[in-house]
Amino acid sequence: MSTPILVQYKINAPIEKAWKALTDKSEMKSWYFDIPDFEPEVGKQFNFYEPGDAKKYYHQCEILEIISGRKLKHTWAYPEFSKEKTIVTWELQPEDDGTLLKLIHEGTDSFTDLGKDFSRESFTGGWNGIIGQSMKSYLEK
């Protein structure tokens, strides 16, 4: 079993604001991806492409667990390239005057045969950019 990717940031925003940004599709498109079919409900599937016109990577995910205000867990897959599914868990914890956001991405080693865009380094860099730059600046403005 591979070691999960762990990305963690302190965000200077209340946990309620962070949770809303993570689970409200109208807010998500401001810092994450445009996911029109996202519904924060266990068993719901959502689909999206990376930003831009290239439409290079189709993502398909299914929500596995929700603890309101604290945890969102879902699959993460690229059905056009692989039958494998990985697991992404977002955890929020109140910390001082803000929120500690922890993202755990499990199983990415199952994508390594797909090339460097699916490497551990690529996922780690992507999540650091999404959370450490995009989400953090969105929530702290």
N, C-alpha and C. Protein backbone atom coordinates (compact mmCIF):
# COMPACT_ATOMS: atom_id res chain seq x y z
N MET A 1 0.85 -1.19 0.00
CA MET A 1 0.00 0.00 0.00
C MET A 1 0.89 1.25 0.00
N SER A 2 0.54 2.19 -0.82
CA SER A 2 1.36 3.39 -0.94
C SER A 2 1.04 4.39 0.17
N THR A 3 1.96 5.30 0.37
CA THR A 3 1.78 6.36 1.34
C THR A 3 0.87 7.43 0.75
N PRO A 4 -0.20 7.79 1.46
CA PRO A 4 -1.09 8.83 0.94
C PRO A 4 -0.38 10.18 0.82
N ILE A 5 -0.86 11.00 -0.08
CA ILE A 5 -0.40 12.38 -0.19
C ILE A 5 -1.13 13.16 0.89
N LEU A 6 -0.40 13.97 1.62
CA LEU A 6 -0.99 14.80 2.67
C LEU A 6 -0.61 16.25 2.41
N VAL A 7 -1.61 17.10 2.29
CA VAL A 7 -1.39 18.53 2.09
C VAL A 7 -2.19 19.23 3.18
N GLN A 8 -1.54 20.15 3.88
CA GLN A 8 -2.17 20.77 5.04
C GLN A 8 -1.84 22.26 5.08
N TYR A 9 -2.86 23.07 5.32
CA TYR A 9 -2.67 24.53 5.41
C TYR A 9 -3.53 25.12 6.50
N LYS A 10 -2.99 26.13 7.16
CA LYS A 10 -3.78 26.95 8.07
C LYS A 10 -4.37 28.07 7.23
N ILE A 11 -5.67 28.23 7.31
CA ILE A 11 -6.38 29.27 6.55
C ILE A 11 -7.00 30.25 7.54
N ASN A 12 -6.74 31.52 7.32
CA ASN A 12 -7.25 32.55 8.21
C ASN A 12 -8.68 32.92 7.82
N ALA A 13 -9.58 31.97 8.08
CA ALA A 13 -11.01 32.15 7.81
C ALA A 13 -11.75 31.18 8.73
N PRO A 14 -12.95 31.54 9.14
CA PRO A 14 -13.72 30.63 10.00
C PRO A 14 -14.05 29.32 9.29
N ILE A 15 -14.20 28.26 10.06
CA ILE A 15 -14.46 26.94 9.51
C ILE A 15 -15.75 26.92 8.69
N GLU A 16 -16.74 27.69 9.08
CA GLU A 16 -18.01 27.72 8.34
C GLU A 16 -17.80 28.27 6.93
N LYS A 17 -16.97 29.28 6.82
CA LYS A 17 -16.67 29.87 5.50
C LYS A 17 -15.89 28.87 4.64
N ALA A 18 -14.94 28.17 5.25
CA ALA A 18 -14.16 27.16 4.52
C ALA A 18 -15.06 26.01 4.05
N TRP A 19 -15.97 25.57 4.91
CA TRP A 19 -16.88 24.48 4.55
C TRP A 19 -17.78 24.89 3.39
N LYS A 20 -18.29 26.11 3.45
CA LYS A 20 -19.16 26.58 2.37
C LYS A 20 -18.39 26.63 1.04
N ALA A 21 -17.14 27.09 1.07
CA ALA A 21 -16.32 27.15 -0.15
C ALA A 21 -16.08 25.74 -0.70
N LEU A 22 -15.99 24.77 0.18
CA LEU A 22 -15.71 23.40 -0.21
C LEU A 22 -16.94 22.65 -0.71
N THR A 23 -18.12 23.08 -0.33
CA THR A 23 -19.33 22.30 -0.65
C THR A 23 -20.40 23.06 -1.43
N ASP A 24 -20.17 24.32 -1.73
CA ASP A 24 -21.14 25.10 -2.50
C ASP A 24 -20.58 25.28 -3.91
N LYS A 25 -21.26 24.66 -4.90
CA LYS A 25 -20.72 24.65 -6.26
C LYS A 25 -20.54 26.05 -6.85
N SER A 26 -21.34 27.02 -6.41
CA SER A 26 -21.16 28.38 -6.93
C SER A 26 -19.88 29.01 -6.38
N GLU A 27 -19.49 28.64 -5.16
CA GLU A 27 -18.21 29.13 -4.61
C GLU A 27 -17.04 28.32 -5.14
N MET A 28 -17.23 27.02 -5.32
CA MET A 28 -16.14 26.15 -5.78
C MET A 28 -15.52 26.65 -7.09
N LYS A 29 -16.36 27.13 -7.98
CA LYS A 29 -15.81 27.54 -9.29
C LYS A 29 -14.94 28.78 -9.19
N SER A 30 -14.98 29.49 -8.06
CA SER A 30 -14.12 30.66 -7.86
C SER A 30 -12.69 30.28 -7.46
N TRP A 31 -12.50 29.10 -6.89
CA TRP A 31 -11.16 28.72 -6.43
C TRP A 31 -10.74 27.31 -6.84
N TYR A 32 -11.68 26.47 -7.26
CA TYR A 32 -11.40 25.05 -7.49
C TYR A 32 -11.71 24.70 -8.93
N PHE A 33 -12.79 24.00 -9.15
CA PHE A 33 -13.24 23.63 -10.48
C PHE A 33 -14.70 24.01 -10.63
N ASP A 34 -15.15 24.17 -11.86
CA ASP A 34 -16.56 24.40 -12.14
C ASP A 34 -17.21 23.02 -12.23
N ILE A 35 -18.02 22.69 -11.22
CA ILE A 35 -18.62 21.36 -11.13
C ILE A 35 -20.14 21.53 -11.02
N PRO A 36 -20.82 21.71 -12.17
CA PRO A 36 -22.25 22.01 -12.14
C PRO A 36 -23.11 20.92 -11.50
N ASP A 37 -22.67 19.65 -11.55
CA ASP A 37 -23.50 18.58 -10.99
C ASP A 37 -23.11 18.19 -9.56
N PHE A 38 -22.32 19.03 -8.89
CA PHE A 38 -21.91 18.73 -7.51
C PHE A 38 -23.07 18.93 -6.55
N GLU A 39 -23.36 17.91 -5.77
CA GLU A 39 -24.34 17.99 -4.68
C GLU A 39 -23.71 17.32 -3.48
N PRO A 40 -23.60 18.03 -2.35
CA PRO A 40 -22.94 17.46 -1.18
C PRO A 40 -23.83 16.43 -0.47
N GLU A 41 -23.89 15.25 -1.07
CA GLU A 41 -24.74 14.18 -0.55
C GLU A 41 -24.06 12.84 -0.84
N VAL A 42 -23.99 11.98 0.18
CA VAL A 42 -23.35 10.67 0.02
C VAL A 42 -24.03 9.90 -1.12
N GLY A 43 -23.19 9.32 -1.97
CA GLY A 43 -23.68 8.54 -3.11
C GLY A 43 -23.79 9.33 -4.40
N LYS A 44 -23.77 10.65 -4.30
CA LYS A 44 -23.88 11.49 -5.51
C LYS A 44 -22.56 11.48 -6.27
N GLN A 45 -22.68 11.42 -7.58
CA GLN A 45 -21.51 11.47 -8.45
C GLN A 45 -21.38 12.89 -9.01
N PHE A 46 -20.14 13.33 -9.22
CA PHE A 46 -19.93 14.61 -9.88
C PHE A 46 -18.79 14.46 -10.89
N ASN A 47 -18.85 15.30 -11.91
CA ASN A 47 -17.94 15.20 -13.04
C ASN A 47 -17.44 16.58 -13.43
N PHE A 48 -16.18 16.64 -13.90
CA PHE A 48 -15.63 17.92 -14.34
C PHE A 48 -14.36 17.70 -15.14
N TYR A 49 -13.97 18.76 -15.84
CA TYR A 49 -12.69 18.84 -16.54
C TYR A 49 -11.85 19.89 -15.83
N GLU A 50 -10.55 19.85 -16.05
CA GLU A 50 -9.68 20.90 -15.53
C GLU A 50 -10.06 22.20 -16.24
N PRO A 51 -9.71 23.35 -15.65
CA PRO A 51 -10.05 24.63 -16.29
C PRO A 51 -9.40 24.79 -17.66
N GLY A 52 -10.01 25.63 -18.47
CA GLY A 52 -9.47 25.90 -19.80
C GLY A 52 -10.24 25.17 -20.88
N ASP A 53 -9.85 25.41 -22.10
CA ASP A 53 -10.56 24.85 -23.24
C ASP A 53 -10.05 23.48 -23.68
N ALA A 54 -8.93 23.05 -23.13
CA ALA A 54 -8.31 21.80 -23.60
C ALA A 54 -9.16 20.56 -23.31
N LYS A 55 -9.90 20.56 -22.20
CA LYS A 55 -10.72 19.41 -21.82
C LYS A 55 -9.90 18.12 -21.88
N LYS A 56 -8.70 18.21 -21.33
CA LYS A 56 -7.74 17.12 -21.42
C LYS A 56 -8.06 15.96 -20.47
N TYR A 57 -8.44 16.29 -19.23
CA TYR A 57 -8.65 15.24 -18.23
C TYR A 57 -10.07 15.30 -17.66
N TYR A 58 -10.85 14.29 -17.98
CA TYR A 58 -12.20 14.16 -17.45
C TYR A 58 -12.10 13.48 -16.09
N HIS A 59 -12.64 14.12 -15.06
CA HIS A 59 -12.64 13.60 -13.69
C HIS A 59 -14.05 13.11 -13.35
N GLN A 60 -14.10 11.98 -12.70
CA GLN A 60 -15.38 11.46 -12.22
C GLN A 60 -15.20 11.08 -10.76
N CYS A 61 -16.09 11.57 -9.92
CA CYS A 61 -15.97 11.37 -8.48
C CYS A 61 -17.32 10.98 -7.89
N GLU A 62 -17.27 10.30 -6.75
CA GLU A 62 -18.49 9.95 -6.02
C GLU A 62 -18.28 10.24 -4.55
N ILE A 63 -19.24 10.90 -3.93
CA ILE A 63 -19.12 11.25 -2.52
C ILE A 63 -19.35 10.00 -1.66
N LEU A 64 -18.38 9.74 -0.79
CA LEU A 64 -18.41 8.56 0.07
C LEU A 64 -18.84 8.88 1.50
N GLU A 65 -18.48 10.07 1.97
CA GLU A 65 -18.77 10.43 3.37
C GLU A 65 -18.82 11.94 3.53
N ILE A 66 -19.76 12.39 4.34
CA ILE A 66 -19.83 13.80 4.69
C ILE A 66 -20.11 13.90 6.19
N ILE A 67 -19.31 14.67 6.87
CA ILE A 67 -19.60 15.09 8.24
C ILE A 67 -19.66 16.60 8.15
N SER A 68 -20.86 17.13 8.23
CA SER A 68 -21.09 18.55 7.97
C SER A 68 -20.14 19.45 8.75
N GLY A 69 -19.49 20.34 8.02
CA GLY A 69 -18.57 21.29 8.61
C GLY A 69 -17.20 20.73 8.94
N ARG A 70 -16.99 19.42 8.72
CA ARG A 70 -15.74 18.80 9.15
C ARG A 70 -15.04 17.96 8.09
N LYS A 71 -15.81 17.17 7.31
CA LYS A 71 -15.17 16.18 6.45
C LYS A 71 -15.99 15.93 5.18
N LEU A 72 -15.26 15.87 4.06
CA LEU A 72 -15.82 15.50 2.76
C LEU A 72 -14.87 14.46 2.16
N LYS A 73 -15.40 13.29 1.86
CA LYS A 73 -14.58 12.21 1.31
C LYS A 73 -15.23 11.72 0.03
N HIS A 74 -14.40 11.61 -1.04
CA HIS A 74 -14.94 11.18 -2.33
C HIS A 74 -13.89 10.42 -3.14
N THR A 75 -14.38 9.67 -4.11
CA THR A 75 -13.47 9.00 -5.04
C THR A 75 -12.94 10.05 -6.00
N TRP A 76 -11.89 9.68 -6.72
CA TRP A 76 -11.25 10.55 -7.72
C TRP A 76 -10.77 9.63 -8.83
N ALA A 77 -11.35 9.76 -10.01
CA ALA A 77 -11.01 8.83 -11.10
C ALA A 77 -10.96 9.55 -12.43
N TYR A 78 -10.26 8.90 -13.36
CA TYR A 78 -10.14 9.36 -14.75
C TYR A 78 -10.62 8.21 -15.64
N PRO A 79 -11.93 8.06 -15.81
CA PRO A 79 -12.46 6.89 -16.51
C PRO A 79 -12.03 6.74 -17.96
N GLU A 80 -11.57 7.82 -18.59
CA GLU A 80 -11.10 7.71 -19.98
C GLU A 80 -9.71 7.09 -20.06
N PHE A 81 -9.01 7.03 -18.91
CA PHE A 81 -7.63 6.54 -18.89
C PHE A 81 -7.43 5.27 -18.06
N SER A 82 -8.27 5.07 -17.04
CA SER A 82 -8.04 3.99 -16.10
C SER A 82 -9.33 3.58 -15.39
N LYS A 83 -9.39 2.32 -14.98
CA LYS A 83 -10.52 1.84 -14.18
C LYS A 83 -10.29 2.10 -12.70
N GLU A 84 -9.07 2.50 -12.35
CA GLU A 84 -8.71 2.72 -10.94
C GLU A 84 -9.41 3.95 -10.37
N LYS A 85 -9.68 3.89 -9.06
CA LYS A 85 -10.25 5.03 -8.33
C LYS A 85 -9.37 5.28 -7.11
N THR A 86 -9.11 6.54 -6.86
CA THR A 86 -8.39 6.93 -5.66
C THR A 86 -9.39 7.60 -4.71
N ILE A 87 -8.92 7.92 -3.52
CA ILE A 87 -9.80 8.53 -2.51
C ILE A 87 -9.21 9.85 -2.06
N VAL A 88 -10.05 10.90 -2.08
CA VAL A 88 -9.66 12.22 -1.59
C VAL A 88 -10.51 12.54 -0.37
N THR A 89 -9.83 12.92 0.72
CA THR A 89 -10.52 13.30 1.95
C THR A 89 -10.11 14.72 2.32
N TRP A 90 -11.11 15.56 2.50
CA TRP A 90 -10.90 16.94 2.96
C TRP A 90 -11.34 16.97 4.43
N GLU A 91 -10.47 17.42 5.31
CA GLU A 91 -10.83 17.54 6.73
C GLU A 91 -10.60 18.96 7.19
N LEU A 92 -11.56 19.50 7.92
CA LEU A 92 -11.46 20.86 8.46
C LEU A 92 -11.49 20.79 9.98
N GLN A 93 -10.59 21.55 10.60
CA GLN A 93 -10.57 21.64 12.06
C GLN A 93 -10.41 23.11 12.44
N PRO A 94 -11.19 23.55 13.44
CA PRO A 94 -10.98 24.93 13.90
C PRO A 94 -9.60 25.04 14.54
N GLU A 95 -8.91 26.12 14.27
CA GLU A 95 -7.59 26.33 14.86
C GLU A 95 -7.39 27.81 15.12
N ASP A 96 -7.22 28.16 16.38
CA ASP A 96 -7.07 29.55 16.80
C ASP A 96 -8.19 30.38 16.18
N ASP A 97 -7.84 31.36 15.37
CA ASP A 97 -8.85 32.22 14.75
C ASP A 97 -9.11 31.81 13.31
N GLY A 98 -8.80 30.59 12.95
CA GLY A 98 -8.98 30.16 11.57
C GLY A 98 -9.32 28.68 11.46
N THR A 99 -8.87 28.08 10.37
CA THR A 99 -9.21 26.69 10.05
C THR A 99 -7.95 25.97 9.60
N LEU A 100 -7.77 24.77 10.11
CA LEU A 100 -6.72 23.89 9.60
C LEU A 100 -7.38 22.98 8.57
N LEU A 101 -6.92 23.08 7.32
CA LEU A 101 -7.46 22.24 6.25
C LEU A 101 -6.43 21.16 5.92
N LYS A 102 -6.89 19.93 5.96
CA LYS A 102 -6.02 18.80 5.65
C LYS A 102 -6.64 18.03 4.49
N LEU A 103 -5.85 17.79 3.46
CA LEU A 103 -6.30 16.98 2.33
C LEU A 103 -5.44 15.71 2.29
N ILE A 104 -6.10 14.57 2.19
CA ILE A 104 -5.41 13.29 2.07
C ILE A 104 -5.86 12.66 0.75
N HIS A 105 -4.90 12.32 -0.10
CA HIS A 105 -5.22 11.66 -1.38
C HIS A 105 -4.56 10.29 -1.37
N GLU A 106 -5.39 9.25 -1.31
CA GLU A 106 -4.92 7.88 -1.20
C GLU A 106 -4.99 7.16 -2.54
N GLY A 107 -3.99 6.33 -2.80
CA GLY A 107 -4.04 5.44 -3.95
C GLY A 107 -3.51 5.98 -5.26
N THR A 108 -2.83 7.11 -5.24
CA THR A 108 -2.37 7.70 -6.50
C THR A 108 -1.35 6.83 -7.22
N ASP A 109 -0.70 5.92 -6.52
CA ASP A 109 0.27 5.03 -7.18
C ASP A 109 -0.40 4.17 -8.25
N SER A 110 -1.70 3.98 -8.14
CA SER A 110 -2.41 3.18 -9.15
C SER A 110 -2.49 3.90 -10.50
N PHE A 111 -2.14 5.19 -10.53
CA PHE A 111 -2.15 5.96 -11.78
C PHE A 111 -0.76 6.13 -12.40
N THR A 112 0.29 5.64 -11.76
CA THR A 112 1.65 5.94 -12.22
C THR A 112 1.93 5.47 -13.63
N ASP A 113 1.28 4.41 -14.08
CA ASP A 113 1.52 3.94 -15.44
C ASP A 113 0.89 4.85 -16.50
N LEU A 114 0.16 5.88 -16.07
CA LEU A 114 -0.48 6.81 -17.00
C LEU A 114 0.43 7.97 -17.40
N GLY A 115 1.60 8.07 -16.79
CA GLY A 115 2.54 9.13 -17.16
C GLY A 115 2.74 10.17 -16.07
N LYS A 116 3.62 11.14 -16.37
CA LYS A 116 4.03 12.11 -15.35
C LYS A 116 2.90 13.02 -14.87
N ASP A 117 1.89 13.26 -15.69
CA ASP A 117 0.77 14.10 -15.24
C ASP A 117 -0.02 13.43 -14.12
N PHE A 118 0.19 12.13 -13.93
CA PHE A 118 -0.53 11.37 -12.91
C PHE A 118 0.41 10.89 -11.81
N SER A 119 1.59 11.49 -11.73
CA SER A 119 2.59 11.08 -10.73
C SER A 119 2.26 11.67 -9.36
N ARG A 120 2.88 11.11 -8.36
CA ARG A 120 2.74 11.61 -7.00
C ARG A 120 3.15 13.08 -6.94
N GLU A 121 4.25 13.42 -7.62
CA GLU A 121 4.74 14.80 -7.62
C GLU A 121 3.73 15.75 -8.27
N SER A 122 3.11 15.30 -9.34
CA SER A 122 2.12 16.12 -10.03
C SER A 122 0.89 16.37 -9.14
N PHE A 123 0.40 15.30 -8.50
CA PHE A 123 -0.75 15.46 -7.60
C PHE A 123 -0.39 16.36 -6.42
N THR A 124 0.78 16.16 -5.82
CA THR A 124 1.20 16.96 -4.67
C THR A 124 1.30 18.43 -5.07
N GLY A 125 1.93 18.71 -6.20
CA GLY A 125 2.02 20.09 -6.67
C GLY A 125 0.66 20.69 -6.97
N GLY A 126 -0.21 19.90 -7.58
CA GLY A 126 -1.56 20.38 -7.89
C GLY A 126 -2.35 20.72 -6.65
N TRP A 127 -2.33 19.82 -5.66
CA TRP A 127 -3.09 20.09 -4.43
C TRP A 127 -2.51 21.27 -3.66
N ASN A 128 -1.18 21.41 -3.64
CA ASN A 128 -0.58 22.57 -2.98
C ASN A 128 -1.00 23.87 -3.66
N GLY A 129 -1.08 23.87 -4.98
CA GLY A 129 -1.53 25.05 -5.70
C GLY A 129 -3.00 25.35 -5.45
N ILE A 130 -3.82 24.31 -5.49
CA ILE A 130 -5.26 24.49 -5.30
C ILE A 130 -5.57 24.99 -3.89
N ILE A 131 -4.97 24.37 -2.89
CA ILE A 131 -5.28 24.74 -1.51
C ILE A 131 -4.43 25.91 -1.04
N GLY A 132 -3.11 25.80 -1.21
CA GLY A 132 -2.19 26.79 -0.65
C GLY A 132 -2.23 28.13 -1.34
N GLN A 133 -2.66 28.16 -2.58
CA GLN A 133 -2.74 29.43 -3.30
C GLN A 133 -4.20 29.81 -3.57
N SER A 134 -4.87 29.00 -4.36
CA SER A 134 -6.21 29.36 -4.84
C SER A 134 -7.25 29.44 -3.70
N MET A 135 -7.40 28.35 -2.96
CA MET A 135 -8.42 28.34 -1.88
C MET A 135 -8.05 29.32 -0.77
N LYS A 136 -6.79 29.30 -0.38
CA LYS A 136 -6.34 30.17 0.71
C LYS A 136 -6.58 31.65 0.36
N SER A 137 -6.18 32.06 -0.83
CA SER A 137 -6.39 33.48 -1.19
C SER A 137 -7.87 33.80 -1.35
N TYR A 138 -8.66 32.84 -1.85
CA TYR A 138 -10.11 33.06 -1.96
C TYR A 138 -10.75 33.27 -0.59
N LEU A 139 -10.39 32.44 0.37
CA LEU A 139 -11.01 32.52 1.69
C LEU A 139 -10.48 33.66 2.55
N GLU A 140 -9.25 34.08 2.30
CA GLU A 140 -8.64 35.11 3.15
C GLU A 140 -8.84 36.53 2.63
N LYS A 141 -9.56 36.67 1.51
CA LYS A 141 -9.74 38.03 0.98
C LYS A 141 -10.81 38.79 1.75
